[in-house]
Amino acid sequence: MARTLMALALLLLALRVHSQRTFPELVGETADGRSVRIPGDVQAHYAVVGLAFSRKAQPLLEAWAEPAYRRFVAHHGLFAGTYDADVWFVPMFVGMNKNAYEPSLRRFRESADPDVADHVLFFKGEIDPFIGPLELNDKDAPYFFVLDAHGNVLHAEHGLFTVDKLDALEEVMLQ
C-alpha cells in the first residue's frame, strides 16, 4: 500500500512538473532606455510580471500597479520582506497599438515616478507567442504571473485587482 501511494505521489509530481508552463521570452525597454529580457534577466528567486495588451486592459493594469508595487517592491505587508522578487509591469504595444509605443514611452518618461518607472517595461511586438503558452484569452484584462528563476509560471491571475488575487500571487513566493 505504501509503495502504491509513493508511486502515485511521484507520478503526480512528474505530471505537475511536465505540465508547467514556461514564460516565453519578452524583450522590452525601460524608461531609461535599457533593454530587459524576461525571464532571461531575472536576478531574483521570483519574478512578478503584469501584462496588458489592449487599451481596455491598460487602466486595469494601472489599478494593480500601486498595491502590487507596495507589496512586492516597497515590501509593505506582513510577509513582504521574506521573499526576493523582480517586479515588472508591462504595457504591450501589439497590432494597431504599435504606433502608440513611442508617444506613450515619451509621455511616461516625462511624468512617471522614478521609483515606479524602474519597474515598467515597454514591449512592442507580436502577441501571438504569448497567447497560447500563457493562456491570454481575454484581451481586455491584465494578466499577472509569478515566475521562478527559470521562467516557469508558478501562478497566474487576471482581471480586476483584488486583494485576494494579490495575496494569491504572494502566497506562491512564501512556500
C-alpha atoms as a PDB file:
ATOM      1  CA  MET A   1       0.000   0.000   0.000  1.00  0.00           C
ATOM      2  CA  ALA A   2       2.809   2.421   0.923  1.00  0.00           C
ATOM      3  CA  ARG A   3       4.602   1.690  -2.357  1.00  0.00           C
ATOM      4  CA  THR A   4       1.422   2.368  -4.318  1.00  0.00           C
ATOM      5  CA  LEU A   5       0.910   5.694  -2.558  1.00  0.00           C
ATOM      6  CA  MET A   6       4.549   6.641  -3.106  1.00  0.00           C
ATOM      7  CA  ALA A   7       4.352   5.722  -6.799  1.00  0.00           C
ATOM      8  CA  LEU A   8       1.157   7.765  -7.170  1.00  0.00           C
ATOM      9  CA  ALA A   9       2.752  10.754  -5.438  1.00  0.00           C
ATOM     10  CA  LEU A  10       5.795  10.585  -7.725  1.00  0.00           C
ATOM     11  CA  LEU A  11       3.568  10.300 -10.790  1.00  0.00           C
ATOM     12  CA  LEU A  12       1.537  13.347  -9.769  1.00  0.00           C
ATOM     13  CA  LEU A  13       4.721  15.305  -9.123  1.00  0.00           C
ATOM     14  CA  ALA A  14       6.100  14.320 -12.527  1.00  0.00           C
ATOM     15  CA  LEU A  15       2.867  15.360 -14.236  1.00  0.00           C
ATOM     16  CA  ARG A  16       2.873  18.709 -12.416  1.00  0.00           C
ATOM     17  CA  VAL A  17       6.461  19.444 -13.436  1.00  0.00           C
ATOM     18  CA  HIS A  18       5.824  18.324 -17.013  1.00  0.00           C
ATOM     19  CA  SER A  19       2.660  20.397 -17.390  1.00  0.00           C
ATOM     20  CA  GLN A  20       4.240  23.561 -16.013  1.00  0.00           C
ATOM     21  CA  ARG A  21       4.119  26.470 -18.428  1.00  0.00           C
ATOM     22  CA  THR A  22       7.237  28.388 -19.380  1.00  0.00           C
ATOM     23  CA  PHE A  23       7.071  32.135 -19.864  1.00  0.00           C
ATOM     24  CA  PRO A  24       8.046  32.998 -23.469  1.00  0.00           C
ATOM     25  CA  GLU A  25      10.961  35.394 -23.835  1.00  0.00           C
ATOM     26  CA  LEU A  26       9.818  39.004 -23.739  1.00  0.00           C
ATOM     27  CA  VAL A  27      12.257  41.800 -24.585  1.00  0.00           C
ATOM     28  CA  GLY A  28      11.235  45.276 -23.570  1.00  0.00           C
ATOM     29  CA  GLU A  29      12.563  48.748 -22.903  1.00  0.00           C
ATOM     30  CA  THR A  30      12.696  50.610 -19.598  1.00  0.00           C
ATOM     31  CA  ALA A  31      12.055  54.349 -19.274  1.00  0.00           C
ATOM     32  CA  ASP A  32      15.812  54.960 -19.199  1.00  0.00           C
ATOM     33  CA  GLY A  33      16.328  53.050 -22.454  1.00  0.00           C
ATOM     34  CA  ARG A  34      17.692  49.767 -21.067  1.00  0.00           C
ATOM     35  CA  SER A  35      16.704  46.535 -22.760  1.00  0.00           C
ATOM     36  CA  VAL A  36      15.403  43.849 -20.399  1.00  0.00           C
ATOM     37  CA  ARG A  37      14.667  40.193 -21.199  1.00  0.00           C
ATOM     38  CA  ILE A  38      12.119  38.277 -19.186  1.00  0.00           C
ATOM     39  CA  PRO A  39      12.800  35.675 -17.944  1.00  0.00           C
ATOM     40  CA  GLY A  40      16.462  35.853 -19.011  1.00  0.00           C
ATOM     41  CA  ASP A  41      17.417  38.926 -16.984  1.00  0.00           C
ATOM     42  CA  VAL A  42      15.545  37.960 -13.825  1.00  0.00           C
ATOM     43  CA  GLN A  43      18.009  38.302 -10.961  1.00  0.00           C
ATOM     44  CA  ALA A  44      15.771  37.317  -8.047  1.00  0.00           C
ATOM     45  CA  HIS A  45      14.337  33.974  -6.964  1.00  0.00           C
ATOM     46  CA  TYR A  46      10.994  35.047  -8.414  1.00  0.00           C
ATOM     47  CA  ALA A  47       9.580  37.496 -10.907  1.00  0.00           C
ATOM     48  CA  VAL A  48       6.128  39.027 -10.802  1.00  0.00           C
ATOM     49  CA  VAL A  49       5.122  40.115 -14.296  1.00  0.00           C
ATOM     50  CA  GLY A  50       1.977  42.065 -15.135  1.00  0.00           C
ATOM     51  CA  LEU A  51       0.920  42.230 -18.804  1.00  0.00           C
ATOM     52  CA  ALA A  52      -1.707  44.320 -20.591  1.00  0.00           C
ATOM     53  CA  PHE A  53      -2.068  44.170 -24.361  1.00  0.00           C
ATOM     54  CA  SER A  54      -5.099  46.319 -25.139  1.00  0.00           C
ATOM     55  CA  ARG A  55      -6.256  49.846 -24.387  1.00  0.00           C
ATOM     56  CA  LYS A  56      -9.079  48.498 -22.222  1.00  0.00           C
ATOM     57  CA  ALA A  57      -6.647  46.431 -20.159  1.00  0.00           C
ATOM     58  CA  GLN A  58      -4.220  49.322 -19.621  1.00  0.00           C
ATOM     59  CA  PRO A  59      -6.176  51.133 -16.863  1.00  0.00           C
ATOM     60  CA  LEU A  60      -6.762  47.786 -15.145  1.00  0.00           C
ATOM     61  CA  LEU A  61      -3.003  47.140 -15.147  1.00  0.00           C
ATOM     62  CA  GLU A  62      -2.518  50.612 -13.664  1.00  0.00           C
ATOM     63  CA  ALA A  63      -5.042  49.763 -10.915  1.00  0.00           C
ATOM     64  CA  TRP A  64      -2.824  46.810  -9.952  1.00  0.00           C
ATOM     65  CA  ALA A  65       0.361  48.915 -10.017  1.00  0.00           C
ATOM     66  CA  GLU A  66       0.189  50.728  -6.691  1.00  0.00           C
ATOM     67  CA  PRO A  67      -0.864  47.815  -4.462  1.00  0.00           C
ATOM     68  CA  ALA A  68       1.493  45.394  -6.226  1.00  0.00           C
ATOM     69  CA  TYR A  69       4.354  47.895  -6.017  1.00  0.00           C
ATOM     70  CA  ARG A  70       3.715  48.470  -2.303  1.00  0.00           C
ATOM     71  CA  ARG A  71       3.591  44.729  -1.573  1.00  0.00           C
ATOM     72  CA  PHE A  72       6.339  43.352  -3.825  1.00  0.00           C
ATOM     73  CA  VAL A  73       8.775  46.261  -4.219  1.00  0.00           C
ATOM     74  CA  ALA A  74       8.342  48.565  -1.202  1.00  0.00           C
ATOM     75  CA  HIS A  75       7.729  45.472   0.999  1.00  0.00           C
ATOM     76  CA  HIS A  76       4.638  46.725   2.835  1.00  0.00           C
ATOM     77  CA  GLY A  77       2.786  43.836   4.376  1.00  0.00           C
ATOM     78  CA  LEU A  78       3.249  41.124   6.944  1.00  0.00           C
ATOM     79  CA  PHE A  79       5.355  38.749   4.794  1.00  0.00           C
ATOM     80  CA  ALA A  80       6.577  41.126   2.098  1.00  0.00           C
ATOM     81  CA  GLY A  81      10.221  41.082   3.170  1.00  0.00           C
ATOM     82  CA  THR A  82      10.516  37.296   3.243  1.00  0.00           C
ATOM     83  CA  TYR A  83      10.977  36.714  -0.491  1.00  0.00           C
ATOM     84  CA  ASP A  84      13.070  38.165  -3.293  1.00  0.00           C
ATOM     85  CA  ALA A  85      11.190  39.133  -6.468  1.00  0.00           C
ATOM     86  CA  ASP A  86      11.817  41.215  -9.557  1.00  0.00           C
ATOM     87  CA  VAL A  87       8.630  43.071 -10.467  1.00  0.00           C
ATOM     88  CA  TRP A  88       7.661  44.237 -13.951  1.00  0.00           C
ATOM     89  CA  PHE A  89       4.532  45.980 -15.204  1.00  0.00           C
ATOM     90  CA  VAL A  90       4.467  45.523 -18.975  1.00  0.00           C
ATOM     91  CA  PRO A  91       2.255  47.547 -21.288  1.00  0.00           C
ATOM     92  CA  MET A  92       2.345  45.600 -24.564  1.00  0.00           C
ATOM     93  CA  PHE A  93       2.045  47.536 -27.805  1.00  0.00           C
ATOM     94  CA  VAL A  94       0.798  44.994 -30.316  1.00  0.00           C
ATOM     95  CA  GLY A  95      -1.170  45.107 -33.552  1.00  0.00           C
ATOM     96  CA  MET A  96      -2.519  48.554 -34.353  1.00  0.00           C
ATOM     97  CA  ASN A  97      -1.304  49.859 -30.968  1.00  0.00           C
ATOM     98  CA  LYS A  98       2.346  49.629 -32.060  1.00  0.00           C
ATOM     99  CA  ASN A  99       2.048  53.199 -33.370  1.00  0.00           C
ATOM    100  CA  ALA A 100       1.380  54.432 -29.829  1.00  0.00           C
ATOM    101  CA  TYR A 101       4.637  52.966 -28.466  1.00  0.00           C
ATOM    102  CA  GLU A 102       6.956  55.971 -28.924  1.00  0.00           C
ATOM    103  CA  PRO A 103       4.472  58.669 -27.798  1.00  0.00           C
ATOM    104  CA  SER A 104       3.466  56.579 -24.767  1.00  0.00           C
ATOM    105  CA  LEU A 105       7.064  55.930 -23.774  1.00  0.00           C
ATOM    106  CA  ARG A 106       7.899  59.621 -24.190  1.00  0.00           C
ATOM    107  CA  ARG A 107       4.934  60.715 -22.004  1.00  0.00           C
ATOM    108  CA  PHE A 108       5.832  58.094 -19.418  1.00  0.00           C
ATOM    109  CA  ARG A 109       9.434  59.324 -19.249  1.00  0.00           C
ATOM    110  CA  GLU A 110       8.197  62.862 -18.621  1.00  0.00           C
ATOM    111  CA  SER A 111       5.652  62.083 -15.919  1.00  0.00           C
ATOM    112  CA  ALA A 112       6.465  58.820 -14.139  1.00  0.00           C
ATOM    113  CA  ASP A 113       7.608  58.494 -10.566  1.00  0.00           C
ATOM    114  CA  PRO A 114      11.251  57.329 -10.889  1.00  0.00           C
ATOM    115  CA  ASP A 115      10.785  54.543  -8.330  1.00  0.00           C
ATOM    116  CA  VAL A 116       7.828  53.116 -10.239  1.00  0.00           C
ATOM    117  CA  ALA A 117       9.452  53.745 -13.630  1.00  0.00           C
ATOM    118  CA  ASP A 118      12.207  51.279 -12.718  1.00  0.00           C
ATOM    119  CA  HIS A 119       9.572  48.523 -12.777  1.00  0.00           C
ATOM    120  CA  VAL A 120       7.798  49.354 -16.030  1.00  0.00           C
ATOM    121  CA  LEU A 121       8.881  47.606 -19.191  1.00  0.00           C
ATOM    122  CA  PHE A 122       7.520  48.711 -22.564  1.00  0.00           C
ATOM    123  CA  PHE A 123       7.052  45.955 -25.146  1.00  0.00           C
ATOM    124  CA  LYS A 124       6.422  46.403 -28.864  1.00  0.00           C
ATOM    125  CA  GLY A 125       5.977  43.273 -30.928  1.00  0.00           C
ATOM    126  CA  GLU A 126       3.682  40.383 -31.697  1.00  0.00           C
ATOM    127  CA  ILE A 127       1.246  38.962 -29.163  1.00  0.00           C
ATOM    128  CA  ASP A 128       0.918  35.509 -30.756  1.00  0.00           C
ATOM    129  CA  PRO A 129       3.957  33.964 -28.977  1.00  0.00           C
ATOM    130  CA  PHE A 130       2.310  34.796 -25.634  1.00  0.00           C
ATOM    131  CA  ILE A 131      -1.369  33.979 -26.201  1.00  0.00           C
ATOM    132  CA  GLY A 132      -1.147  30.169 -26.276  1.00  0.00           C
ATOM    133  CA  PRO A 133       1.600  29.463 -23.742  1.00  0.00           C
ATOM    134  CA  LEU A 134       0.226  31.962 -21.203  1.00  0.00           C
ATOM    135  CA  GLU A 135      -3.465  31.363 -21.967  1.00  0.00           C
ATOM    136  CA  LEU A 136      -4.165  35.044 -22.618  1.00  0.00           C
ATOM    137  CA  ASN A 137      -7.808  34.533 -23.519  1.00  0.00           C
ATOM    138  CA  ASP A 138      -9.204  37.953 -22.568  1.00  0.00           C
ATOM    139  CA  LYS A 139      -7.511  40.863 -24.299  1.00  0.00           C
ATOM    140  CA  ASP A 140      -9.380  43.360 -22.134  1.00  0.00           C
ATOM    141  CA  ALA A 141      -7.889  42.077 -18.869  1.00  0.00           C
ATOM    142  CA  PRO A 142      -4.406  42.405 -17.395  1.00  0.00           C
ATOM    143  CA  TYR A 143      -2.547  39.200 -16.511  1.00  0.00           C
ATOM    144  CA  PHE A 144      -0.125  38.667 -13.650  1.00  0.00           C
ATOM    145  CA  PHE A 145       2.346  35.822 -13.397  1.00  0.00           C
ATOM    146  CA  VAL A 146       4.732  34.596 -10.740  1.00  0.00           C
ATOM    147  CA  LEU A 147       7.787  33.031 -12.368  1.00  0.00           C
ATOM    148  CA  ASP A 148      10.597  31.084 -10.818  1.00  0.00           C
ATOM    149  CA  ALA A 149      14.224  31.841 -11.693  1.00  0.00           C
ATOM    150  CA  HIS A 150      13.981  29.520 -14.722  1.00  0.00           C
ATOM    151  CA  GLY A 151      10.922  31.220 -16.209  1.00  0.00           C
ATOM    152  CA  ASN A 152       8.406  28.585 -15.164  1.00  0.00           C
ATOM    153  CA  VAL A 153       4.964  30.005 -14.445  1.00  0.00           C
ATOM    154  CA  LEU A 154       4.161  29.145 -10.837  1.00  0.00           C
ATOM    155  CA  HIS A 155       0.885  31.047 -10.605  1.00  0.00           C
ATOM    156  CA  ALA A 156      -1.289  33.323 -12.760  1.00  0.00           C
ATOM    157  CA  GLU A 157      -4.105  35.776 -12.101  1.00  0.00           C
ATOM    158  CA  HIS A 158      -6.041  38.022 -14.454  1.00  0.00           C
ATOM    159  CA  GLY A 159      -8.725  40.651 -14.427  1.00  0.00           C
ATOM    160  CA  LEU A 160      -9.657  43.373 -11.979  1.00  0.00           C
ATOM    161  CA  PHE A 161      -7.412  43.928  -8.992  1.00  0.00           C
ATOM    162  CA  THR A 162      -8.481  42.332  -5.723  1.00  0.00           C
ATOM    163  CA  VAL A 163      -6.556  41.853  -2.516  1.00  0.00           C
ATOM    164  CA  ASP A 164      -7.311  38.117  -2.742  1.00  0.00           C
ATOM    165  CA  LYS A 165      -5.544  37.920  -6.127  1.00  0.00           C
ATOM    166  CA  LEU A 166      -2.580  39.877  -4.780  1.00  0.00           C
ATOM    167  CA  ASP A 167      -2.429  37.534  -1.770  1.00  0.00           C
ATOM    168  CA  ALA A 168      -2.528  34.501  -4.108  1.00  0.00           C
ATOM    169  CA  LEU A 169       0.485  35.830  -6.048  1.00  0.00           C
ATOM    170  CA  GLU A 170       2.381  36.396  -2.832  1.00  0.00           C
ATOM    171  CA  GLU A 171       1.428  33.038  -1.338  1.00  0.00           C
ATOM    172  CA  VAL A 172       3.322  31.180  -4.073  1.00  0.00           C
ATOM    173  CA  MET A 173       6.517  33.008  -3.116  1.00  0.00           C
ATOM    174  CA  LEU A 174       6.075  32.154   0.558  1.00  0.00           C
ATOM    175  CA  GLN A 175       6.107  28.393   0.014  1.00  0.00           C
END
